[in-house]
N, C-alpha and C. Protein backbone atom coordinates (compact mmCIF):
# COMPACT_ATOMS: atom_id res chain seq x y z
N MET A 1 0.84 -1.19 0.00
CA MET A 1 0.00 0.00 0.00
C MET A 1 0.89 1.25 0.00
N SER A 2 0.46 2.24 -0.73
CA SER A 2 1.22 3.48 -0.83
C SER A 2 0.99 4.35 0.41
N THR A 3 1.99 5.15 0.71
CA THR A 3 1.86 6.09 1.80
C THR A 3 2.14 7.48 1.29
N VAL A 4 1.69 8.46 2.06
CA VAL A 4 1.96 9.85 1.72
C VAL A 4 2.60 10.52 2.92
N GLU A 5 3.27 11.62 2.67
CA GLU A 5 3.87 12.41 3.74
C GLU A 5 3.80 13.87 3.36
N LYS A 6 4.03 14.72 4.32
CA LYS A 6 4.05 16.15 4.04
C LYS A 6 5.24 16.45 3.14
N ALA A 7 5.03 17.37 2.21
CA ALA A 7 6.08 17.74 1.27
C ALA A 7 7.21 18.48 1.98
N LYS A 8 8.37 18.41 1.39
CA LYS A 8 9.55 19.13 1.88
C LYS A 8 9.94 20.17 0.85
N ILE A 9 10.68 21.14 1.28
CA ILE A 9 11.06 22.24 0.40
C ILE A 9 11.79 21.75 -0.85
N GLN A 10 12.59 20.71 -0.71
CA GLN A 10 13.32 20.19 -1.87
C GLN A 10 12.40 19.49 -2.88
N ASP A 11 11.13 19.24 -2.50
CA ASP A 11 10.16 18.62 -3.40
C ASP A 11 9.55 19.62 -4.38
N VAL A 12 9.69 20.90 -4.12
CA VAL A 12 8.98 21.91 -4.91
C VAL A 12 9.24 21.81 -6.41
N PRO A 13 10.48 21.72 -6.88
CA PRO A 13 10.66 21.63 -8.34
C PRO A 13 9.94 20.42 -8.97
N GLN A 14 9.94 19.30 -8.27
CA GLN A 14 9.26 18.12 -8.80
C GLN A 14 7.74 18.27 -8.75
N ILE A 15 7.21 18.87 -7.68
CA ILE A 15 5.77 19.14 -7.60
C ILE A 15 5.37 20.06 -8.74
N HIS A 16 6.16 21.10 -8.95
CA HIS A 16 5.90 22.07 -10.03
C HIS A 16 5.86 21.36 -11.38
N GLN A 17 6.84 20.52 -11.64
CA GLN A 17 6.91 19.80 -12.90
C GLN A 17 5.71 18.86 -13.08
N LEU A 18 5.34 18.15 -12.03
CA LEU A 18 4.22 17.21 -12.08
C LEU A 18 2.90 17.93 -12.37
N ILE A 19 2.62 18.97 -11.62
CA ILE A 19 1.37 19.73 -11.81
C ILE A 19 1.33 20.33 -13.21
N ASN A 20 2.40 20.96 -13.61
CA ASN A 20 2.38 21.66 -14.88
C ASN A 20 2.42 20.72 -16.09
N HIS A 21 2.86 19.49 -15.88
CA HIS A 21 2.74 18.47 -16.93
C HIS A 21 1.26 18.30 -17.30
N PHE A 22 0.41 18.18 -16.28
CA PHE A 22 -1.03 18.01 -16.53
C PHE A 22 -1.68 19.33 -16.94
N ALA A 23 -1.19 20.43 -16.42
CA ALA A 23 -1.72 21.74 -16.81
C ALA A 23 -1.46 22.02 -18.28
N ASP A 24 -0.30 21.60 -18.78
CA ASP A 24 0.02 21.77 -20.20
C ASP A 24 -0.95 21.00 -21.09
N ARG A 25 -1.58 19.98 -20.55
CA ARG A 25 -2.58 19.19 -21.29
C ARG A 25 -4.00 19.67 -20.99
N ASP A 26 -4.13 20.80 -20.28
CA ASP A 26 -5.44 21.37 -19.89
C ASP A 26 -6.26 20.43 -19.02
N GLU A 27 -5.58 19.64 -18.20
CA GLU A 27 -6.27 18.74 -17.28
C GLU A 27 -6.36 19.30 -15.88
N MET A 28 -5.62 20.36 -15.61
CA MET A 28 -5.68 21.08 -14.34
C MET A 28 -5.07 22.46 -14.56
N LEU A 29 -5.20 23.32 -13.57
CA LEU A 29 -4.63 24.65 -13.69
C LEU A 29 -3.16 24.63 -13.27
N PRO A 30 -2.35 25.47 -13.89
CA PRO A 30 -0.92 25.49 -13.54
C PRO A 30 -0.67 26.12 -12.17
N ARG A 31 0.50 25.84 -11.64
CA ARG A 31 0.98 26.47 -10.39
C ARG A 31 2.38 26.99 -10.66
N SER A 32 2.65 28.17 -10.16
CA SER A 32 4.00 28.74 -10.29
C SER A 32 4.88 28.18 -9.19
N LEU A 33 6.19 28.25 -9.42
CA LEU A 33 7.13 27.85 -8.37
C LEU A 33 6.90 28.66 -7.10
N SER A 34 6.71 29.97 -7.25
CA SER A 34 6.53 30.81 -6.06
C SER A 34 5.27 30.41 -5.29
N ASP A 35 4.20 30.07 -5.99
CA ASP A 35 2.98 29.65 -5.31
C ASP A 35 3.21 28.36 -4.52
N ILE A 36 3.92 27.43 -5.11
CA ILE A 36 4.18 26.16 -4.41
C ILE A 36 5.11 26.38 -3.22
N TYR A 37 6.17 27.17 -3.39
CA TYR A 37 7.05 27.46 -2.25
C TYR A 37 6.27 28.13 -1.11
N GLU A 38 5.45 29.12 -1.45
CA GLU A 38 4.69 29.87 -0.43
C GLU A 38 3.69 28.99 0.31
N ASN A 39 3.24 27.94 -0.35
CA ASN A 39 2.19 27.09 0.22
C ASN A 39 2.66 25.66 0.45
N ILE A 40 3.96 25.44 0.58
CA ILE A 40 4.50 24.09 0.69
C ILE A 40 3.90 23.32 1.86
N ARG A 41 3.50 24.01 2.91
CA ARG A 41 2.90 23.32 4.07
C ARG A 41 1.55 22.72 3.74
N ASP A 42 0.93 23.14 2.64
CA ASP A 42 -0.37 22.59 2.21
C ASP A 42 -0.22 21.23 1.55
N TYR A 43 0.96 20.90 1.06
CA TYR A 43 1.15 19.76 0.16
C TYR A 43 1.48 18.46 0.86
N PHE A 44 0.89 17.41 0.32
CA PHE A 44 1.26 16.04 0.62
C PHE A 44 1.88 15.47 -0.65
N VAL A 45 2.81 14.54 -0.49
CA VAL A 45 3.41 13.90 -1.65
C VAL A 45 3.48 12.38 -1.45
N HIS A 46 3.55 11.70 -2.55
CA HIS A 46 3.86 10.27 -2.59
C HIS A 46 5.15 10.19 -3.39
N ARG A 47 6.13 9.52 -2.85
CA ARG A 47 7.41 9.44 -3.55
C ARG A 47 7.94 8.01 -3.54
N LYS A 48 8.77 7.75 -4.51
CA LYS A 48 9.54 6.52 -4.52
C LYS A 48 10.98 6.96 -4.56
N ASP A 49 11.74 6.53 -3.57
CA ASP A 49 13.10 7.00 -3.38
C ASP A 49 13.04 8.53 -3.26
N GLU A 50 13.67 9.24 -4.13
CA GLU A 50 13.65 10.71 -4.05
C GLU A 50 12.70 11.34 -5.07
N ARG A 51 12.01 10.52 -5.84
CA ARG A 51 11.16 11.04 -6.91
C ARG A 51 9.72 11.23 -6.44
N VAL A 52 9.20 12.44 -6.60
CA VAL A 52 7.81 12.73 -6.27
C VAL A 52 6.95 12.21 -7.42
N LEU A 53 6.06 11.27 -7.10
CA LEU A 53 5.20 10.65 -8.10
C LEU A 53 3.76 11.14 -8.04
N ALA A 54 3.40 11.84 -6.96
CA ALA A 54 2.04 12.34 -6.81
C ALA A 54 2.01 13.42 -5.74
N CYS A 55 1.03 14.31 -5.87
CA CYS A 55 0.89 15.37 -4.87
C CYS A 55 -0.57 15.80 -4.75
N ALA A 56 -0.87 16.45 -3.65
CA ALA A 56 -2.17 17.07 -3.41
C ALA A 56 -1.97 18.10 -2.32
N ALA A 57 -2.79 19.14 -2.35
CA ALA A 57 -2.69 20.20 -1.35
C ALA A 57 -4.04 20.41 -0.68
N MET A 58 -4.01 20.74 0.60
CA MET A 58 -5.19 21.12 1.36
C MET A 58 -4.93 22.53 1.88
N HIS A 59 -5.62 23.50 1.28
CA HIS A 59 -5.39 24.91 1.59
C HIS A 59 -6.54 25.46 2.44
N ILE A 60 -6.20 26.06 3.56
CA ILE A 60 -7.22 26.63 4.44
C ILE A 60 -7.67 27.98 3.86
N ILE A 61 -8.98 28.12 3.72
CA ILE A 61 -9.57 29.35 3.21
C ILE A 61 -10.08 30.22 4.37
N TRP A 62 -10.75 29.59 5.33
CA TRP A 62 -11.33 30.30 6.47
C TRP A 62 -11.52 29.31 7.60
N SER A 63 -12.08 29.73 8.70
CA SER A 63 -12.21 28.86 9.87
C SER A 63 -13.04 27.62 9.60
N ASP A 64 -13.93 27.69 8.64
CA ASP A 64 -14.83 26.58 8.37
C ASP A 64 -14.72 26.01 6.96
N LEU A 65 -13.66 26.40 6.22
CA LEU A 65 -13.60 26.02 4.82
C LEU A 65 -12.16 25.80 4.36
N SER A 66 -11.94 24.69 3.67
CA SER A 66 -10.63 24.43 3.07
C SER A 66 -10.84 23.89 1.66
N GLU A 67 -9.77 23.99 0.85
CA GLU A 67 -9.82 23.57 -0.54
C GLU A 67 -8.78 22.48 -0.80
N ILE A 68 -9.21 21.43 -1.48
CA ILE A 68 -8.27 20.44 -1.98
C ILE A 68 -7.90 20.88 -3.39
N LYS A 69 -6.60 20.97 -3.65
CA LYS A 69 -6.18 21.42 -4.97
C LYS A 69 -4.88 20.74 -5.37
N SER A 70 -4.55 20.91 -6.63
CA SER A 70 -3.29 20.40 -7.18
C SER A 70 -3.10 18.91 -6.97
N VAL A 71 -4.15 18.13 -7.16
CA VAL A 71 -4.04 16.68 -7.09
C VAL A 71 -3.49 16.19 -8.43
N ALA A 72 -2.30 15.64 -8.39
CA ALA A 72 -1.65 15.17 -9.62
C ALA A 72 -0.92 13.85 -9.32
N VAL A 73 -1.13 12.88 -10.19
CA VAL A 73 -0.51 11.57 -10.03
C VAL A 73 0.15 11.20 -11.36
N ALA A 74 1.44 10.91 -11.31
CA ALA A 74 2.17 10.51 -12.52
C ALA A 74 1.47 9.32 -13.17
N GLU A 75 1.51 9.29 -14.50
CA GLU A 75 0.81 8.25 -15.25
C GLU A 75 1.12 6.84 -14.76
N GLU A 76 2.38 6.57 -14.44
CA GLU A 76 2.74 5.21 -14.04
C GLU A 76 2.19 4.81 -12.67
N CYS A 77 1.64 5.77 -11.94
CA CYS A 77 1.06 5.48 -10.62
C CYS A 77 -0.46 5.59 -10.60
N GLN A 78 -1.05 5.98 -11.72
CA GLN A 78 -2.50 6.14 -11.76
C GLN A 78 -3.20 4.79 -11.66
N ARG A 79 -4.41 4.84 -11.12
CA ARG A 79 -5.25 3.66 -10.93
C ARG A 79 -4.64 2.63 -9.98
N GLN A 80 -3.84 3.15 -9.04
CA GLN A 80 -3.24 2.28 -8.02
C GLN A 80 -3.63 2.74 -6.61
N GLY A 81 -4.55 3.70 -6.51
CA GLY A 81 -5.02 4.16 -5.21
C GLY A 81 -4.23 5.31 -4.62
N VAL A 82 -3.22 5.79 -5.32
CA VAL A 82 -2.39 6.86 -4.78
C VAL A 82 -3.19 8.16 -4.63
N GLY A 83 -3.98 8.50 -5.65
CA GLY A 83 -4.81 9.71 -5.58
C GLY A 83 -5.80 9.64 -4.43
N THR A 84 -6.37 8.48 -4.22
CA THR A 84 -7.32 8.28 -3.12
C THR A 84 -6.64 8.52 -1.78
N ILE A 85 -5.45 7.97 -1.62
CA ILE A 85 -4.72 8.15 -0.36
C ILE A 85 -4.40 9.63 -0.13
N LEU A 86 -4.01 10.33 -1.18
CA LEU A 86 -3.70 11.76 -1.06
C LEU A 86 -4.93 12.57 -0.67
N VAL A 87 -6.04 12.33 -1.34
CA VAL A 87 -7.27 13.08 -1.02
C VAL A 87 -7.72 12.76 0.40
N ASN A 88 -7.65 11.50 0.80
CA ASN A 88 -8.02 11.15 2.17
C ASN A 88 -7.10 11.81 3.20
N ALA A 89 -5.83 11.96 2.87
CA ALA A 89 -4.91 12.67 3.78
C ALA A 89 -5.35 14.13 3.94
N CYS A 90 -5.80 14.74 2.85
CA CYS A 90 -6.29 16.12 2.92
C CYS A 90 -7.54 16.19 3.79
N PHE A 91 -8.46 15.25 3.61
CA PHE A 91 -9.67 15.21 4.44
C PHE A 91 -9.31 15.06 5.91
N GLU A 92 -8.40 14.15 6.20
CA GLU A 92 -8.01 13.91 7.60
C GLU A 92 -7.39 15.16 8.22
N GLU A 93 -6.58 15.86 7.46
CA GLU A 93 -5.99 17.08 7.99
C GLU A 93 -7.06 18.13 8.26
N ALA A 94 -8.00 18.28 7.35
CA ALA A 94 -9.09 19.23 7.56
C ALA A 94 -9.87 18.88 8.83
N LYS A 95 -10.20 17.60 8.97
CA LYS A 95 -10.94 17.16 10.17
C LYS A 95 -10.12 17.41 11.43
N SER A 96 -8.82 17.10 11.40
CA SER A 96 -7.99 17.26 12.60
C SER A 96 -7.86 18.73 13.01
N LEU A 97 -7.99 19.62 12.04
CA LEU A 97 -7.94 21.06 12.33
C LEU A 97 -9.31 21.62 12.70
N GLY A 98 -10.35 20.79 12.61
CA GLY A 98 -11.69 21.24 12.94
C GLY A 98 -12.37 22.02 11.83
N ILE A 99 -11.95 21.79 10.60
CA ILE A 99 -12.54 22.48 9.45
C ILE A 99 -13.66 21.58 8.90
N PRO A 100 -14.92 22.01 8.98
CA PRO A 100 -16.03 21.13 8.65
C PRO A 100 -16.38 20.99 7.17
N THR A 101 -15.83 21.85 6.32
CA THR A 101 -16.23 21.84 4.92
C THR A 101 -14.99 21.90 4.02
N VAL A 102 -15.00 21.03 3.01
CA VAL A 102 -13.91 20.98 2.04
C VAL A 102 -14.54 21.09 0.65
N PHE A 103 -13.89 21.86 -0.21
CA PHE A 103 -14.37 21.98 -1.58
C PHE A 103 -13.19 21.81 -2.53
N CYS A 104 -13.51 21.67 -3.80
CA CYS A 104 -12.49 21.67 -4.84
C CYS A 104 -13.08 22.26 -6.11
N LEU A 105 -12.20 22.78 -6.92
CA LEU A 105 -12.54 23.24 -8.27
C LEU A 105 -11.70 22.35 -9.19
N THR A 106 -12.35 21.67 -10.13
CA THR A 106 -11.63 20.65 -10.87
C THR A 106 -12.17 20.45 -12.28
N TYR A 107 -11.31 19.91 -13.13
CA TYR A 107 -11.72 19.44 -14.45
C TYR A 107 -12.04 17.94 -14.40
N GLN A 108 -11.86 17.32 -13.25
CA GLN A 108 -12.07 15.88 -13.07
C GLN A 108 -13.12 15.62 -11.99
N PRO A 109 -14.36 16.10 -12.16
CA PRO A 109 -15.34 15.98 -11.07
C PRO A 109 -15.67 14.54 -10.68
N ASN A 110 -15.65 13.61 -11.62
CA ASN A 110 -16.01 12.23 -11.27
C ASN A 110 -15.04 11.62 -10.27
N PHE A 111 -13.76 11.98 -10.36
CA PHE A 111 -12.79 11.49 -9.39
C PHE A 111 -13.17 11.94 -7.98
N PHE A 112 -13.54 13.20 -7.83
CA PHE A 112 -13.85 13.74 -6.50
C PHE A 112 -15.22 13.31 -5.99
N LYS A 113 -16.13 13.00 -6.87
CA LYS A 113 -17.46 12.54 -6.43
C LYS A 113 -17.36 11.22 -5.68
N LYS A 114 -16.33 10.43 -5.97
CA LYS A 114 -16.12 9.15 -5.26
C LYS A 114 -15.92 9.37 -3.76
N PHE A 115 -15.53 10.57 -3.36
CA PHE A 115 -15.24 10.88 -1.96
C PHE A 115 -16.41 11.57 -1.27
N GLY A 116 -17.55 11.60 -1.92
CA GLY A 116 -18.72 12.22 -1.31
C GLY A 116 -18.84 13.71 -1.56
N LEU A 117 -17.99 14.27 -2.42
CA LEU A 117 -18.16 15.68 -2.78
C LEU A 117 -19.32 15.79 -3.76
N LYS A 118 -20.13 16.82 -3.58
CA LYS A 118 -21.30 17.04 -4.42
C LYS A 118 -21.09 18.30 -5.25
N GLU A 119 -21.54 18.22 -6.50
CA GLU A 119 -21.40 19.35 -7.40
C GLU A 119 -22.31 20.50 -6.96
N ILE A 120 -21.75 21.71 -7.00
CA ILE A 120 -22.52 22.91 -6.68
C ILE A 120 -22.21 23.99 -7.73
N ASP A 121 -23.01 25.02 -7.73
CA ASP A 121 -22.73 26.18 -8.58
C ASP A 121 -21.56 26.93 -7.95
N LYS A 122 -20.58 27.30 -8.75
CA LYS A 122 -19.40 28.02 -8.22
C LYS A 122 -19.79 29.27 -7.46
N MET A 123 -20.89 29.89 -7.87
CA MET A 123 -21.30 31.14 -7.23
C MET A 123 -21.77 30.92 -5.79
N GLU A 124 -21.99 29.69 -5.38
CA GLU A 124 -22.36 29.39 -4.00
C GLU A 124 -21.15 29.47 -3.06
N LEU A 125 -19.96 29.43 -3.61
CA LEU A 125 -18.75 29.51 -2.78
C LEU A 125 -18.54 30.95 -2.31
N PRO A 126 -17.99 31.13 -1.12
CA PRO A 126 -17.76 32.49 -0.61
C PRO A 126 -16.78 33.26 -1.48
N ARG A 127 -16.90 34.57 -1.46
CA ARG A 127 -16.03 35.43 -2.27
C ARG A 127 -14.55 35.22 -1.97
N LYS A 128 -14.23 34.86 -0.76
CA LYS A 128 -12.84 34.64 -0.37
C LYS A 128 -12.16 33.62 -1.28
N VAL A 129 -12.93 32.67 -1.78
CA VAL A 129 -12.41 31.63 -2.66
C VAL A 129 -11.84 32.22 -3.94
N TRP A 130 -12.38 33.32 -4.39
CA TRP A 130 -12.03 33.87 -5.69
C TRP A 130 -10.73 34.66 -5.70
N THR A 131 -10.09 34.85 -4.57
CA THR A 131 -8.84 35.59 -4.50
C THR A 131 -7.81 35.05 -5.48
N GLU A 132 -7.64 33.74 -5.50
CA GLU A 132 -6.68 33.13 -6.41
C GLU A 132 -7.19 33.17 -7.85
N CYS A 133 -8.48 33.02 -8.03
CA CYS A 133 -9.06 33.00 -9.38
C CYS A 133 -8.81 34.30 -10.14
N PHE A 134 -8.87 35.41 -9.44
CA PHE A 134 -8.69 36.70 -10.10
C PHE A 134 -7.32 36.82 -10.77
N ARG A 135 -6.34 36.08 -10.27
CA ARG A 135 -4.99 36.13 -10.83
C ARG A 135 -4.77 35.12 -11.96
N CYS A 136 -5.75 34.26 -12.19
CA CYS A 136 -5.60 33.19 -13.17
C CYS A 136 -5.89 33.72 -14.59
N PRO A 137 -5.04 33.35 -15.55
CA PRO A 137 -5.27 33.80 -16.93
C PRO A 137 -6.56 33.26 -17.54
N LYS A 138 -7.12 32.19 -16.97
CA LYS A 138 -8.36 31.62 -17.50
C LYS A 138 -9.61 32.24 -16.87
N PHE A 139 -9.44 33.11 -15.89
CA PHE A 139 -10.60 33.73 -15.23
C PHE A 139 -11.30 34.66 -16.20
N PRO A 140 -12.62 34.69 -16.25
CA PRO A 140 -13.59 33.97 -15.42
C PRO A 140 -14.11 32.69 -16.05
N ASP A 141 -13.54 32.29 -17.18
CA ASP A 141 -14.09 31.14 -17.91
C ASP A 141 -13.15 29.93 -17.89
N CYS A 142 -12.78 29.49 -16.69
CA CYS A 142 -11.83 28.38 -16.59
C CYS A 142 -12.47 27.03 -16.89
N GLY A 143 -13.75 26.92 -16.68
CA GLY A 143 -14.44 25.66 -16.95
C GLY A 143 -14.35 24.64 -15.82
N GLU A 144 -13.73 25.00 -14.71
CA GLU A 144 -13.65 24.06 -13.59
C GLU A 144 -15.03 23.86 -12.97
N VAL A 145 -15.24 22.68 -12.41
CA VAL A 145 -16.48 22.31 -11.73
C VAL A 145 -16.23 22.44 -10.23
N ALA A 146 -17.19 23.02 -9.52
CA ALA A 146 -17.09 23.16 -8.07
C ALA A 146 -17.79 21.98 -7.40
N LEU A 147 -17.12 21.41 -6.39
CA LEU A 147 -17.69 20.33 -5.60
C LEU A 147 -17.41 20.63 -4.13
N ILE A 148 -18.29 20.14 -3.26
CA ILE A 148 -18.15 20.44 -1.83
C ILE A 148 -18.58 19.23 -0.99
N ARG A 149 -17.98 19.14 0.19
CA ARG A 149 -18.35 18.09 1.16
C ARG A 149 -18.34 18.70 2.55
N HIS A 150 -19.40 18.42 3.28
CA HIS A 150 -19.51 18.85 4.68
C HIS A 150 -19.32 17.62 5.57
N PHE A 151 -18.49 17.74 6.60
CA PHE A 151 -18.27 16.62 7.52
C PHE A 151 -19.26 16.70 8.66
């Protein structure tokens, strides 16, 4: 069974490469190196030896809301449960911090629906969520689907 751990600063270049590999294919939104460095504490990784093969981030938005983002799994590790373990690690961290609601914005809604997230209209999310969106080159028409889960 695969395990995950909190990311380390030396993982940032590999996380950046992994995320942007999928972003280049329009399967997720890109992340800059500076964004990943600034938010490294949000990230979980799955690695083999020194190679980061998968990542996911759980970002706190407010006292009652967090976002799962940047879930990326290298092709050779897909369909092996690694993504599931990463998302569950994000859920567990949210629960341990007492955050009752988790959401995501994604191009892969069916993956997240397996975890009990329900599709909602993006406009139902609080304005605080849009802080990052305003800086995105795809705003306001990114095409991501909003999903949410309440614990």
